[in-house]
């Protein structure tokens, strides 16, 4: 069984021309860099695949990660606190962050 995690970042007053600009702004708002490091390690280990999209009209970045169930559970168990801290920091920076999780 796989887990599909969809995370959407929207900045209503954003003026990003492309994904790179939007991602740079997201990265600058993130305070807990250990979460990013853990995601890179999980991706490199093959725990998930990811598709990233940028919608310039809605100033929205969407990541759809398809996780191995064990990898997802391990990641969430060790990074829920840092994920919550980063969401708070992103929202303080003007981003709206939503997450949807489904078994696929």
PDB file of N, CA and C in Angstrom:
ATOM      1  N   UNK A   1       0.842  -1.165   0.000  1.00  0.00           N
ATOM      2  CA  UNK A   1       0.000   0.000   0.000  1.00  0.00           C
ATOM      3  C   UNK A   1       0.898   1.243   0.000  1.00  0.00           C
ATOM      4  N   UNK A   2       0.469   2.280  -0.697  1.00  0.00           N
ATOM      5  CA  UNK A   2       1.226   3.526  -0.775  1.00  0.00           C
ATOM      6  C   UNK A   2       0.406   4.666  -0.171  1.00  0.00           C
ATOM      7  N   UNK A   3       1.107   5.681   0.245  1.00  0.00           N
ATOM      8  CA  UNK A   3       0.484   6.872   0.806  1.00  0.00           C
ATOM      9  C   UNK A   3       0.746   8.030  -0.149  1.00  0.00           C
ATOM     10  N   UNK A   4      -0.311   8.726  -0.539  1.00  0.00           N
ATOM     11  CA  UNK A   4      -0.142   9.907  -1.374  1.00  0.00           C
ATOM     12  C   UNK A   4      -0.374  11.146  -0.513  1.00  0.00           C
ATOM     13  N   UNK A   5       0.654  11.960  -0.429  1.00  0.00           N
ATOM     14  CA  UNK A   5       0.633  13.182   0.367  1.00  0.00           C
ATOM     15  C   UNK A   5       0.665  14.366  -0.599  1.00  0.00           C
ATOM     16  N   UNK A   6      -0.362  15.207  -0.532  1.00  0.00           N
ATOM     17  CA  UNK A   6      -0.419  16.393  -1.379  1.00  0.00           C
ATOM     18  C   UNK A   6      -0.321  17.619  -0.481  1.00  0.00           C
ATOM     19  N   UNK A   7       0.716  18.410  -0.688  1.00  0.00           N
ATOM     20  CA  UNK A   7       0.911  19.629   0.084  1.00  0.00           C
ATOM     21  C   UNK A   7       0.847  20.804  -0.885  1.00  0.00           C
ATOM     22  N   UNK A   8       0.004  21.770  -0.536  1.00  0.00           N
ATOM     23  CA  UNK A   8      -0.188  22.932  -1.389  1.00  0.00           C
ATOM     24  C   UNK A   8       0.180  24.193  -0.619  1.00  0.00           C
ATOM     25  N   UNK A   9       0.995  25.019  -1.239  1.00  0.00           N
ATOM     26  CA  UNK A   9       1.421  26.297  -0.685  1.00  0.00           C
ATOM     27  C   UNK A   9       0.855  27.392  -1.590  1.00  0.00           C
ATOM     28  N   UNK A  10       0.104  28.326  -1.031  1.00  0.00           N
ATOM     29  CA  UNK A  10      -0.482  29.412  -1.811  1.00  0.00           C
ATOM     30  C   UNK A  10      -0.143  30.741  -1.148  1.00  0.00           C
ATOM     31  N   UNK A  11       0.311  31.695  -1.944  1.00  0.00           N
ATOM     32  CA  UNK A  11       0.603  33.030  -1.417  1.00  0.00           C
ATOM     33  C   UNK A  11      -0.232  34.035  -2.197  1.00  0.00           C
ATOM     34  N   UNK A  12      -1.276  34.541  -1.544  1.00  0.00           N
ATOM     35  CA  UNK A  12      -2.246  35.389  -2.239  1.00  0.00           C
ATOM     36  C   UNK A  12      -1.634  36.682  -2.768  1.00  0.00           C
ATOM     37  N   UNK A  13      -0.625  37.203  -2.114  1.00  0.00           N
ATOM     38  CA  UNK A  13       0.004  38.426  -2.603  1.00  0.00           C
ATOM     39  C   UNK A  13       1.337  38.138  -3.308  1.00  0.00           C
ATOM     40  N   UNK A  14       1.534  36.892  -3.687  1.00  0.00           N
ATOM     41  CA  UNK A  14       2.770  36.511  -4.367  1.00  0.00           C
ATOM     42  C   UNK A  14       2.841  37.098  -5.771  1.00  0.00           C
ATOM     43  N   UNK A  15       4.063  37.293  -6.224  1.00  0.00           N
ATOM     44  CA  UNK A  15       4.288  37.795  -7.582  1.00  0.00           C
ATOM     45  C   UNK A  15       5.418  36.997  -8.222  1.00  0.00           C
ATOM     46  N   UNK A  16       5.393  35.693  -8.008  1.00  0.00           N
ATOM     47  CA  UNK A  16       6.451  34.814  -8.496  1.00  0.00           C
ATOM     48  C   UNK A  16       6.246  34.509  -9.973  1.00  0.00           C
ATOM     49  N   UNK A  17       7.313  34.592 -10.727  1.00  0.00           N
ATOM     50  CA  UNK A  17       7.239  34.317 -12.163  1.00  0.00           C
ATOM     51  C   UNK A  17       7.332  32.831 -12.458  1.00  0.00           C
ATOM     52  N   UNK A  18       7.936  32.072 -11.531  1.00  0.00           N
ATOM     53  CA  UNK A  18       8.171  30.659 -11.799  1.00  0.00           C
ATOM     54  C   UNK A  18       8.331  29.880 -10.494  1.00  0.00           C
ATOM     55  N   UNK A  19       8.452  28.571 -10.650  1.00  0.00           N
ATOM     56  CA  UNK A  19       8.605  27.669  -9.510  1.00  0.00           C
ATOM     57  C   UNK A  19       9.843  28.024  -8.687  1.00  0.00           C
ATOM     58  N   UNK A  20      10.944  28.327  -9.338  1.00  0.00           N
ATOM     59  CA  UNK A  20      12.199  28.600  -8.639  1.00  0.00           C
ATOM     60  C   UNK A  20      12.049  29.775  -7.677  1.00  0.00           C
ATOM     61  N   UNK A  21      11.386  30.831  -8.119  1.00  0.00           N
ATOM     62  CA  UNK A  21      11.177  31.989  -7.252  1.00  0.00           C
ATOM     63  C   UNK A  21      10.266  31.650  -6.070  1.00  0.00           C
ATOM     64  N   UNK A  22       9.197  30.935  -6.344  1.00  0.00           N
ATOM     65  CA  UNK A  22       8.274  30.556  -5.270  1.00  0.00           C
ATOM     66  C   UNK A  22       8.964  29.636  -4.267  1.00  0.00           C
ATOM     67  N   UNK A  23       9.713  28.670  -4.765  1.00  0.00           N
ATOM     68  CA  UNK A  23      10.419  27.736  -3.876  1.00  0.00           C
ATOM     69  C   UNK A  23      11.450  28.459  -3.021  1.00  0.00           C
ATOM     70  N   UNK A  24      12.130  29.433  -3.589  1.00  0.00           N
ATOM     71  CA  UNK A  24      13.110  30.207  -2.816  1.00  0.00           C
ATOM     72  C   UNK A  24      12.422  30.946  -1.671  1.00  0.00           C
ATOM     73  N   UNK A  25      11.228  31.479  -1.918  1.00  0.00           N
ATOM     74  CA  UNK A  25      10.499  32.171  -0.865  1.00  0.00           C
ATOM     75  C   UNK A  25      10.045  31.196   0.218  1.00  0.00           C
ATOM     76  N   UNK A  26       9.588  30.027  -0.193  1.00  0.00           N
ATOM     77  CA  UNK A  26       9.212  28.994   0.779  1.00  0.00           C
ATOM     78  C   UNK A  26      10.423  28.626   1.626  1.00  0.00           C
ATOM     79  N   UNK A  27      11.554  28.373   0.977  1.00  0.00           N
ATOM     80  CA  UNK A  27      12.762  27.990   1.708  1.00  0.00           C
ATOM     81  C   UNK A  27      13.213  29.068   2.686  1.00  0.00           C
ATOM     82  N   UNK A  28      13.039  30.332   2.305  1.00  0.00           N
ATOM     83  CA  UNK A  28      13.475  31.415   3.194  1.00  0.00           C
ATOM     84  C   UNK A  28      12.595  31.517   4.439  1.00  0.00           C
ATOM     85  N   UNK A  29      11.365  31.040   4.360  1.00  0.00           N
ATOM     86  CA  UNK A  29      10.450  31.102   5.499  1.00  0.00           C
ATOM     87  C   UNK A  29      10.611  29.917   6.449  1.00  0.00           C
ATOM     88  N   UNK A  30      11.150  28.824   5.955  1.00  0.00           N
ATOM     89  CA  UNK A  30      11.287  27.607   6.758  1.00  0.00           C
ATOM     90  C   UNK A  30      12.325  27.820   7.863  1.00  0.00           C
ATOM     91  N   UNK A  31      11.927  27.487   9.092  1.00  0.00           N
ATOM     92  CA  UNK A  31      12.815  27.680  10.236  1.00  0.00           C
ATOM     93  C   UNK A  31      13.475  26.384  10.702  1.00  0.00           C
ATOM     94  N   UNK A  32      12.810  25.272  10.474  1.00  0.00           N
ATOM     95  CA  UNK A  32      13.321  23.971  10.926  1.00  0.00           C
ATOM     96  C   UNK A  32      13.914  23.227   9.730  1.00  0.00           C
ATOM     97  N   UNK A  33      15.182  23.458   9.460  1.00  0.00           N
ATOM     98  CA  UNK A  33      15.810  22.879   8.272  1.00  0.00           C
ATOM     99  C   UNK A  33      15.988  21.372   8.379  1.00  0.00           C
ATOM    100  N   UNK A  34      15.876  20.815   9.571  1.00  0.00           N
ATOM    101  CA  UNK A  34      16.009  19.358   9.712  1.00  0.00           C
ATOM    102  C   UNK A  34      14.898  18.637   8.951  1.00  0.00           C
ATOM    103  N   UNK A  35      13.744  19.255   8.795  1.00  0.00           N
ATOM    104  CA  UNK A  35      12.661  18.636   8.037  1.00  0.00           C
ATOM    105  C   UNK A  35      13.059  18.524   6.564  1.00  0.00           C
ATOM    106  N   UNK A  36      13.633  19.565   6.014  1.00  0.00           N
ATOM    107  CA  UNK A  36      14.069  19.533   4.621  1.00  0.00           C
ATOM    108  C   UNK A  36      15.154  18.474   4.420  1.00  0.00           C
ATOM    109  N   UNK A  37      16.080  18.395   5.352  1.00  0.00           N
ATOM    110  CA  UNK A  37      17.145  17.396   5.285  1.00  0.00           C
ATOM    111  C   UNK A  37      16.556  15.985   5.326  1.00  0.00           C
ATOM    112  N   UNK A  38      15.570  15.772   6.189  1.00  0.00           N
ATOM    113  CA  UNK A  38      14.935  14.453   6.300  1.00  0.00           C
ATOM    114  C   UNK A  38      14.182  14.102   5.022  1.00  0.00           C
ATOM    115  N   UNK A  39      13.521  15.083   4.415  1.00  0.00           N
ATOM    116  CA  UNK A  39      12.813  14.819   3.160  1.00  0.00           C
ATOM    117  C   UNK A  39      13.790  14.452   2.052  1.00  0.00           C
ATOM    118  N   UNK A  40      14.896  15.161   1.967  1.00  0.00           N
ATOM    119  CA  UNK A  40      15.899  14.839   0.943  1.00  0.00           C
ATOM    120  C   UNK A  40      16.456  13.435   1.152  1.00  0.00           C
ATOM    121  N   UNK A  41      16.720  13.079   2.398  1.00  0.00           N
ATOM    122  CA  UNK A  41      17.245  11.745   2.705  1.00  0.00           C
ATOM    123  C   UNK A  41      16.220  10.669   2.338  1.00  0.00           C
ATOM    124  N   UNK A  42      14.952  10.912   2.645  1.00  0.00           N
ATOM    125  CA  UNK A  42      13.894   9.936   2.331  1.00  0.00           C
ATOM    126  C   UNK A  42      13.730   9.789   0.819  1.00  0.00           C
ATOM    127  N   UNK A  43      13.798  10.913   0.098  1.00  0.00           N
ATOM    128  CA  UNK A  43      13.672  10.845  -1.363  1.00  0.00           C
ATOM    129  C   UNK A  43      14.848  10.088  -1.959  1.00  0.00           C
ATOM    130  N   UNK A  44      16.055  10.384  -1.485  1.00  0.00           N
ATOM    131  CA  UNK A  44      17.252   9.707  -1.974  1.00  0.00           C
ATOM    132  C   UNK A  44      17.204   8.205  -1.680  1.00  0.00           C
ATOM    133  N   UNK A  45      16.638   7.849  -0.529  1.00  0.00           N
ATOM    134  CA  UNK A  45      16.522   6.441  -0.144  1.00  0.00           C
ATOM    135  C   UNK A  45      15.414   5.714  -0.910  1.00  0.00           C
ATOM    136  N   UNK A  46      14.630   6.458  -1.675  1.00  0.00           N
ATOM    137  CA  UNK A  46      13.557   5.841  -2.441  1.00  0.00           C
ATOM    138  C   UNK A  46      12.272   5.649  -1.663  1.00  0.00           C
ATOM    139  N   UNK A  47      12.122   6.363  -0.533  1.00  0.00           N
ATOM    140  CA  UNK A  47      10.900   6.235   0.265  1.00  0.00           C
ATOM    141  C   UNK A  47       9.708   6.899  -0.405  1.00  0.00           C
ATOM    142  N   UNK A  48       9.960   7.858  -1.319  1.00  0.00           N
ATOM    143  CA  UNK A  48       8.866   8.487  -2.034  1.00  0.00           C
ATOM    144  C   UNK A  48       9.337   9.035  -3.371  1.00  0.00           C
ATOM    145  N   UNK A  49       8.366   9.241  -4.248  1.00  0.00           N
ATOM    146  CA  UNK A  49       8.589   9.991  -5.483  1.00  0.00           C
ATOM    147  C   UNK A  49       7.783  11.270  -5.346  1.00  0.00           C
ATOM    148  N   UNK A  50       8.176  12.291  -6.086  1.00  0.00           N
ATOM    149  CA  UNK A  50       7.493  13.571  -5.948  1.00  0.00           C
ATOM    150  C   UNK A  50       7.282  14.220  -7.306  1.00  0.00           C
ATOM    151  N   UNK A  51       6.137  14.861  -7.438  1.00  0.00           N
ATOM    152  CA  UNK A  51       5.841  15.696  -8.594  1.00  0.00           C
ATOM    153  C   UNK A  51       5.566  17.087  -8.032  1.00  0.00           C
ATOM    154  N   UNK A  52       6.280  18.084  -8.545  1.00  0.00           N
ATOM    155  CA  UNK A  52       6.086  19.465  -8.108  1.00  0.00           C
ATOM    156  C   UNK A  52       5.495  20.261  -9.258  1.00  0.00           C
ATOM    157  N   UNK A  53       4.534  21.104  -8.929  1.00  0.00           N
ATOM    158  CA  UNK A  53       3.892  21.950  -9.939  1.00  0.00           C
ATOM    159  C   UNK A  53       3.791  23.370  -9.412  1.00  0.00           C
ATOM    160  N   UNK A  54       3.856  24.330 -10.325  1.00  0.00           N
ATOM    161  CA  UNK A  54       3.679  25.734  -9.975  1.00  0.00           C
ATOM    162  C   UNK A  54       2.579  26.323 -10.842  1.00  0.00           C
ATOM    163  N   UNK A  55       1.625  26.978 -10.197  1.00  0.00           N
ATOM    164  CA  UNK A  55       0.536  27.660 -10.891  1.00  0.00           C
ATOM    165  C   UNK A  55       0.767  29.162 -10.720  1.00  0.00           C
ATOM    166  N   UNK A  56       1.246  29.848 -11.771  1.00  0.00           N
ATOM    167  CA  UNK A  56       1.568  31.269 -11.628  1.00  0.00           C
ATOM    168  C   UNK A  56       0.333  32.153 -11.443  1.00  0.00           C
ATOM    169  N   UNK A  57      -0.802  31.742 -11.931  1.00  0.00           N
ATOM    170  CA  UNK A  57      -2.019  32.550 -11.795  1.00  0.00           C
ATOM    171  C   UNK A  57      -2.470  32.593 -10.337  1.00  0.00           C
ATOM    172  N   UNK A  58      -2.478  31.435  -9.696  1.00  0.00           N
ATOM    173  CA  UNK A  58      -2.900  31.348  -8.298  1.00  0.00           C
ATOM    174  C   UNK A  58      -1.749  31.458  -7.307  1.00  0.00           C
ATOM    175  N   UNK A  59      -0.512  31.618  -7.830  1.00  0.00           N
ATOM    176  CA  UNK A  59       0.677  31.708  -6.975  1.00  0.00           C
ATOM    177  C   UNK A  59       0.704  30.528  -5.997  1.00  0.00           C
ATOM    178  N   UNK A  60       0.693  29.337  -6.597  1.00  0.00           N
ATOM    179  CA  UNK A  60       0.543  28.104  -5.831  1.00  0.00           C
ATOM    180  C   UNK A  60       1.588  27.079  -6.242  1.00  0.00           C
ATOM    181  N   UNK A  61       2.221  26.497  -5.227  1.00  0.00           N
ATOM    182  CA  UNK A  61       3.151  25.383  -5.424  1.00  0.00           C
ATOM    183  C   UNK A  61       2.502  24.148  -4.824  1.00  0.00           C
ATOM    184  N   UNK A  62       2.472  23.062  -5.594  1.00  0.00           N
ATOM    185  CA  UNK A  62       1.886  21.814  -5.111  1.00  0.00           C
ATOM    186  C   UNK A  62       2.903  20.694  -5.255  1.00  0.00           C
ATOM    187  N   UNK A  63       3.055  19.938  -4.184  1.00  0.00           N
ATOM    188  CA  UNK A  63       3.890  18.744  -4.189  1.00  0.00           C
ATOM    189  C   UNK A  63       2.992  17.541  -3.973  1.00  0.00           C
ATOM    190  N   UNK A  64       3.104  16.566  -4.846  1.00  0.00           N
ATOM    191  CA  UNK A  64       2.403  15.304  -4.651  1.00  0.00           C
ATOM    192  C   UNK A  64       3.492  14.255  -4.444  1.00  0.00           C
ATOM    193  N   UNK A  65       3.561  13.778  -3.213  1.00  0.00           N
ATOM    194  CA  UNK A  65       4.545  12.743  -2.862  1.00  0.00           C
ATOM    195  C   UNK A  65       3.816  11.416  -2.729  1.00  0.00           C
ATOM    196  N   UNK A  66       4.346  10.402  -3.382  1.00  0.00           N
ATOM    197  CA  UNK A  66       3.807   9.058  -3.240  1.00  0.00           C
ATOM    198  C   UNK A  66       4.834   8.257  -2.451  1.00  0.00           C
ATOM    199  N   UNK A  67       4.457   7.947  -1.229  1.00  0.00           N
ATOM    200  CA  UNK A  67       5.348   7.324  -0.251  1.00  0.00           C
ATOM    201  C   UNK A  67       5.131   5.814  -0.162  1.00  0.00           C
ATOM    202  N   UNK A  68       6.209   5.119   0.156  1.00  0.00           N
ATOM    203  CA  UNK A  68       6.127   3.777   0.704  1.00  0.00           C
ATOM    204  C   UNK A  68       5.519   3.958   2.102  1.00  0.00           C
ATOM    205  N   UNK A  69       4.575   3.143   2.475  1.00  0.00           N
ATOM    206  CA  UNK A  69       3.864   3.331   3.745  1.00  0.00           C
ATOM    207  C   UNK A  69       4.805   3.380   4.948  1.00  0.00           C
ATOM    208  N   UNK A  70       5.775   2.478   5.014  1.00  0.00           N
ATOM    209  CA  UNK A  70       6.706   2.475   6.144  1.00  0.00           C
ATOM    210  C   UNK A  70       7.544   3.748   6.174  1.00  0.00           C
ATOM    211  N   UNK A  71       7.977   4.204   5.013  1.00  0.00           N
ATOM    212  CA  UNK A  71       8.758   5.436   4.943  1.00  0.00           C
ATOM    213  C   UNK A  71       7.957   6.641   5.403  1.00  0.00           C
ATOM    214  N   UNK A  72       6.697   6.702   4.982  1.00  0.00           N
ATOM    215  CA  UNK A  72       5.827   7.807   5.389  1.00  0.00           C
ATOM    216  C   UNK A  72       5.620   7.797   6.905  1.00  0.00           C
ATOM    217  N   UNK A  73       5.307   6.624   7.440  1.00  0.00           N
ATOM    218  CA  UNK A  73       5.068   6.531   8.883  1.00  0.00           C
ATOM    219  C   UNK A  73       6.302   6.914   9.687  1.00  0.00           C
ATOM    220  N   UNK A  74       7.479   6.483   9.241  1.00  0.00           N
ATOM    221  CA  UNK A  74       8.718   6.838   9.943  1.00  0.00           C
ATOM    222  C   UNK A  74       8.970   8.339   9.866  1.00  0.00           C
ATOM    223  N   UNK A  75       8.772   8.909   8.687  1.00  0.00           N
ATOM    224  CA  UNK A  75       8.980  10.351   8.519  1.00  0.00           C
ATOM    225  C   UNK A  75       8.029  11.137   9.421  1.00  0.00           C
ATOM    226  N   UNK A  76       6.745  10.812   9.391  1.00  0.00           N
ATOM    227  CA  UNK A  76       5.769  11.546  10.200  1.00  0.00           C
ATOM    228  C   UNK A  76       6.045  11.384  11.689  1.00  0.00           C
ATOM    229  N   UNK A  77       6.468  10.209  12.105  1.00  0.00           N
ATOM    230  CA  UNK A  77       6.742   9.981  13.522  1.00  0.00           C
ATOM    231  C   UNK A  77       7.895  10.849  14.024  1.00  0.00           C
ATOM    232  N   UNK A  78       8.857  11.103  13.165  1.00  0.00           N
ATOM    233  CA  UNK A  78      10.024  11.859  13.619  1.00  0.00           C
ATOM    234  C   UNK A  78       9.994  13.344  13.252  1.00  0.00           C
ATOM    235  N   UNK A  79       9.037  13.770  12.410  1.00  0.00           N
ATOM    236  CA  UNK A  79       9.062  15.171  11.964  1.00  0.00           C
ATOM    237  C   UNK A  79       7.732  15.906  12.069  1.00  0.00           C
ATOM    238  N   UNK A  80       6.831  15.416  12.880  1.00  0.00           N
ATOM    239  CA  UNK A  80       5.569  16.132  13.056  1.00  0.00           C
ATOM    240  C   UNK A  80       5.799  17.482  13.722  1.00  0.00           C
ATOM    241  N   UNK A  81       6.626  17.536  14.737  1.00  0.00           N
ATOM    242  CA  UNK A  81       6.882  18.791  15.451  1.00  0.00           C
ATOM    243  C   UNK A  81       7.562  19.809  14.548  1.00  0.00           C
ATOM    244  N   UNK A  82       8.580  19.387  13.808  1.00  0.00           N
ATOM    245  CA  UNK A  82       9.263  20.336  12.917  1.00  0.00           C
ATOM    246  C   UNK A  82       8.338  20.759  11.779  1.00  0.00           C
ATOM    247  N   UNK A  83       7.514  19.840  11.300  1.00  0.00           N
ATOM    248  CA  UNK A  83       6.555  20.184  10.253  1.00  0.00           C
ATOM    249  C   UNK A  83       5.564  21.232  10.725  1.00  0.00           C
ATOM    250  N   UNK A  84       5.085  21.094  11.953  1.00  0.00           N
ATOM    251  CA  UNK A  84       4.159  22.084  12.506  1.00  0.00           C
ATOM    252  C   UNK A  84       4.839  23.439  12.679  1.00  0.00           C
ATOM    253  N   UNK A  85       6.090  23.435  13.123  1.00  0.00           N
ATOM    254  CA  UNK A  85       6.834  24.695  13.279  1.00  0.00           C
ATOM    255  C   UNK A  85       7.028  25.370  11.928  1.00  0.00           C
ATOM    256  N   UNK A  86       7.346  24.590  10.912  1.00  0.00           N
ATOM    257  CA  UNK A  86       7.531  25.167   9.578  1.00  0.00           C
ATOM    258  C   UNK A  86       6.220  25.697   9.009  1.00  0.00           C
ATOM    259  N   UNK A  87       5.131  24.996   9.236  1.00  0.00           N
ATOM    260  CA  UNK A  87       3.834  25.473   8.759  1.00  0.00           C
ATOM    261  C   UNK A  87       3.513  26.819   9.409  1.00  0.00           C
ATOM    262  N   UNK A  88       3.746  26.944  10.704  1.00  0.00           N
ATOM    263  CA  UNK A  88       3.505  28.196  11.413  1.00  0.00           C
ATOM    264  C   UNK A  88       4.369  29.317  10.841  1.00  0.00           C
ATOM    265  N   UNK A  89       5.640  29.026  10.570  1.00  0.00           N
ATOM    266  CA  UNK A  89       6.555  30.030  10.007  1.00  0.00           C
ATOM    267  C   UNK A  89       6.120  30.438   8.600  1.00  0.00           C
ATOM    268  N   UNK A  90       5.705  29.477   7.798  1.00  0.00           N
ATOM    269  CA  UNK A  90       5.239  29.779   6.444  1.00  0.00           C
ATOM    270  C   UNK A  90       3.974  30.633   6.476  1.00  0.00           C
ATOM    271  N   UNK A  91       3.062  30.300   7.360  1.00  0.00           N
ATOM    272  CA  UNK A  91       1.829  31.080   7.467  1.00  0.00           C
ATOM    273  C   UNK A  91       2.122  32.503   7.945  1.00  0.00           C
ATOM    274  N   UNK A  92       3.091  32.654   8.842  1.00  0.00           N
ATOM    275  CA  UNK A  92       3.487  33.985   9.291  1.00  0.00           C
ATOM    276  C   UNK A  92       4.105  34.798   8.152  1.00  0.00           C
ATOM    277  N   UNK A  93       4.647  34.106   7.173  1.00  0.00           N
ATOM    278  CA  UNK A  93       5.256  34.743   6.011  1.00  0.00           C
ATOM    279  C   UNK A  93       4.251  34.991   4.881  1.00  0.00           C
ATOM    280  N   UNK A  94       2.987  34.647   5.111  1.00  0.00           N
ATOM    281  CA  UNK A  94       1.950  34.924   4.128  1.00  0.00           C
ATOM    282  C   UNK A  94       1.495  33.751   3.285  1.00  0.00           C
ATOM    283  N   UNK A  95       2.055  32.577   3.523  1.00  0.00           N
ATOM    284  CA  UNK A  95       1.654  31.386   2.779  1.00  0.00           C
ATOM    285  C   UNK A  95       0.477  30.710   3.466  1.00  0.00           C
ATOM    286  N   UNK A  96      -0.409  30.131   2.686  1.00  0.00           N
ATOM    287  CA  UNK A  96      -1.435  29.221   3.184  1.00  0.00           C
ATOM    288  C   UNK A  96      -0.947  27.824   2.831  1.00  0.00           C
ATOM    289  N   UNK A  97      -0.928  26.940   3.818  1.00  0.00           N
ATOM    290  CA  UNK A  97      -0.402  25.588   3.614  1.00  0.00           C
ATOM    291  C   UNK A  97      -1.505  24.586   3.921  1.00  0.00           C
ATOM    292  N   UNK A  98      -1.780  23.704   2.947  1.00  0.00           N
ATOM    293  CA  UNK A  98      -2.757  22.640   3.179  1.00  0.00           C
ATOM    294  C   UNK A  98      -2.111  21.304   2.849  1.00  0.00           C
ATOM    295  N   UNK A  99      -2.596  20.275   3.522  1.00  0.00           N
ATOM    296  CA  UNK A  99      -2.082  18.926   3.297  1.00  0.00           C
ATOM    297  C   UNK A  99      -3.245  17.954   3.222  1.00  0.00           C
ATOM    298  N   UNK A 100      -3.174  17.057   2.271  1.00  0.00           N
ATOM    299  CA  UNK A 100      -4.151  15.976   2.152  1.00  0.00           C
ATOM    300  C   UNK A 100      -3.371  14.676   2.038  1.00  0.00           C
ATOM    301  N   UNK A 101      -3.844  13.648   2.712  1.00  0.00           N
ATOM    302  CA  UNK A 101      -3.184  12.344   2.703  1.00  0.00           C
ATOM    303  C   UNK A 101      -4.220  11.285   2.335  1.00  0.00           C
ATOM    304  N   UNK A 102      -3.837  10.397   1.429  1.00  0.00           N
ATOM    305  CA  UNK A 102      -4.742   9.322   1.021  1.00  0.00           C
ATOM    306  C   UNK A 102      -3.944   8.044   0.799  1.00  0.00           C
ATOM    307  N   UNK A 103      -4.570   6.925   1.037  1.00  0.00           N
ATOM    308  CA  UNK A 103      -3.983   5.640   0.727  1.00  0.00           C
ATOM    309  C   UNK A 103      -4.314   5.337  -0.738  1.00  0.00           C
ATOM    310  N   UNK A 104      -3.289   4.968  -1.493  1.00  0.00           N
ATOM    311  CA  UNK A 104      -3.497   4.677  -2.918  1.00  0.00           C
ATOM    312  C   UNK A 104      -2.967   3.306  -3.260  1.00  0.00           C
TER     313      UNK A 104
END
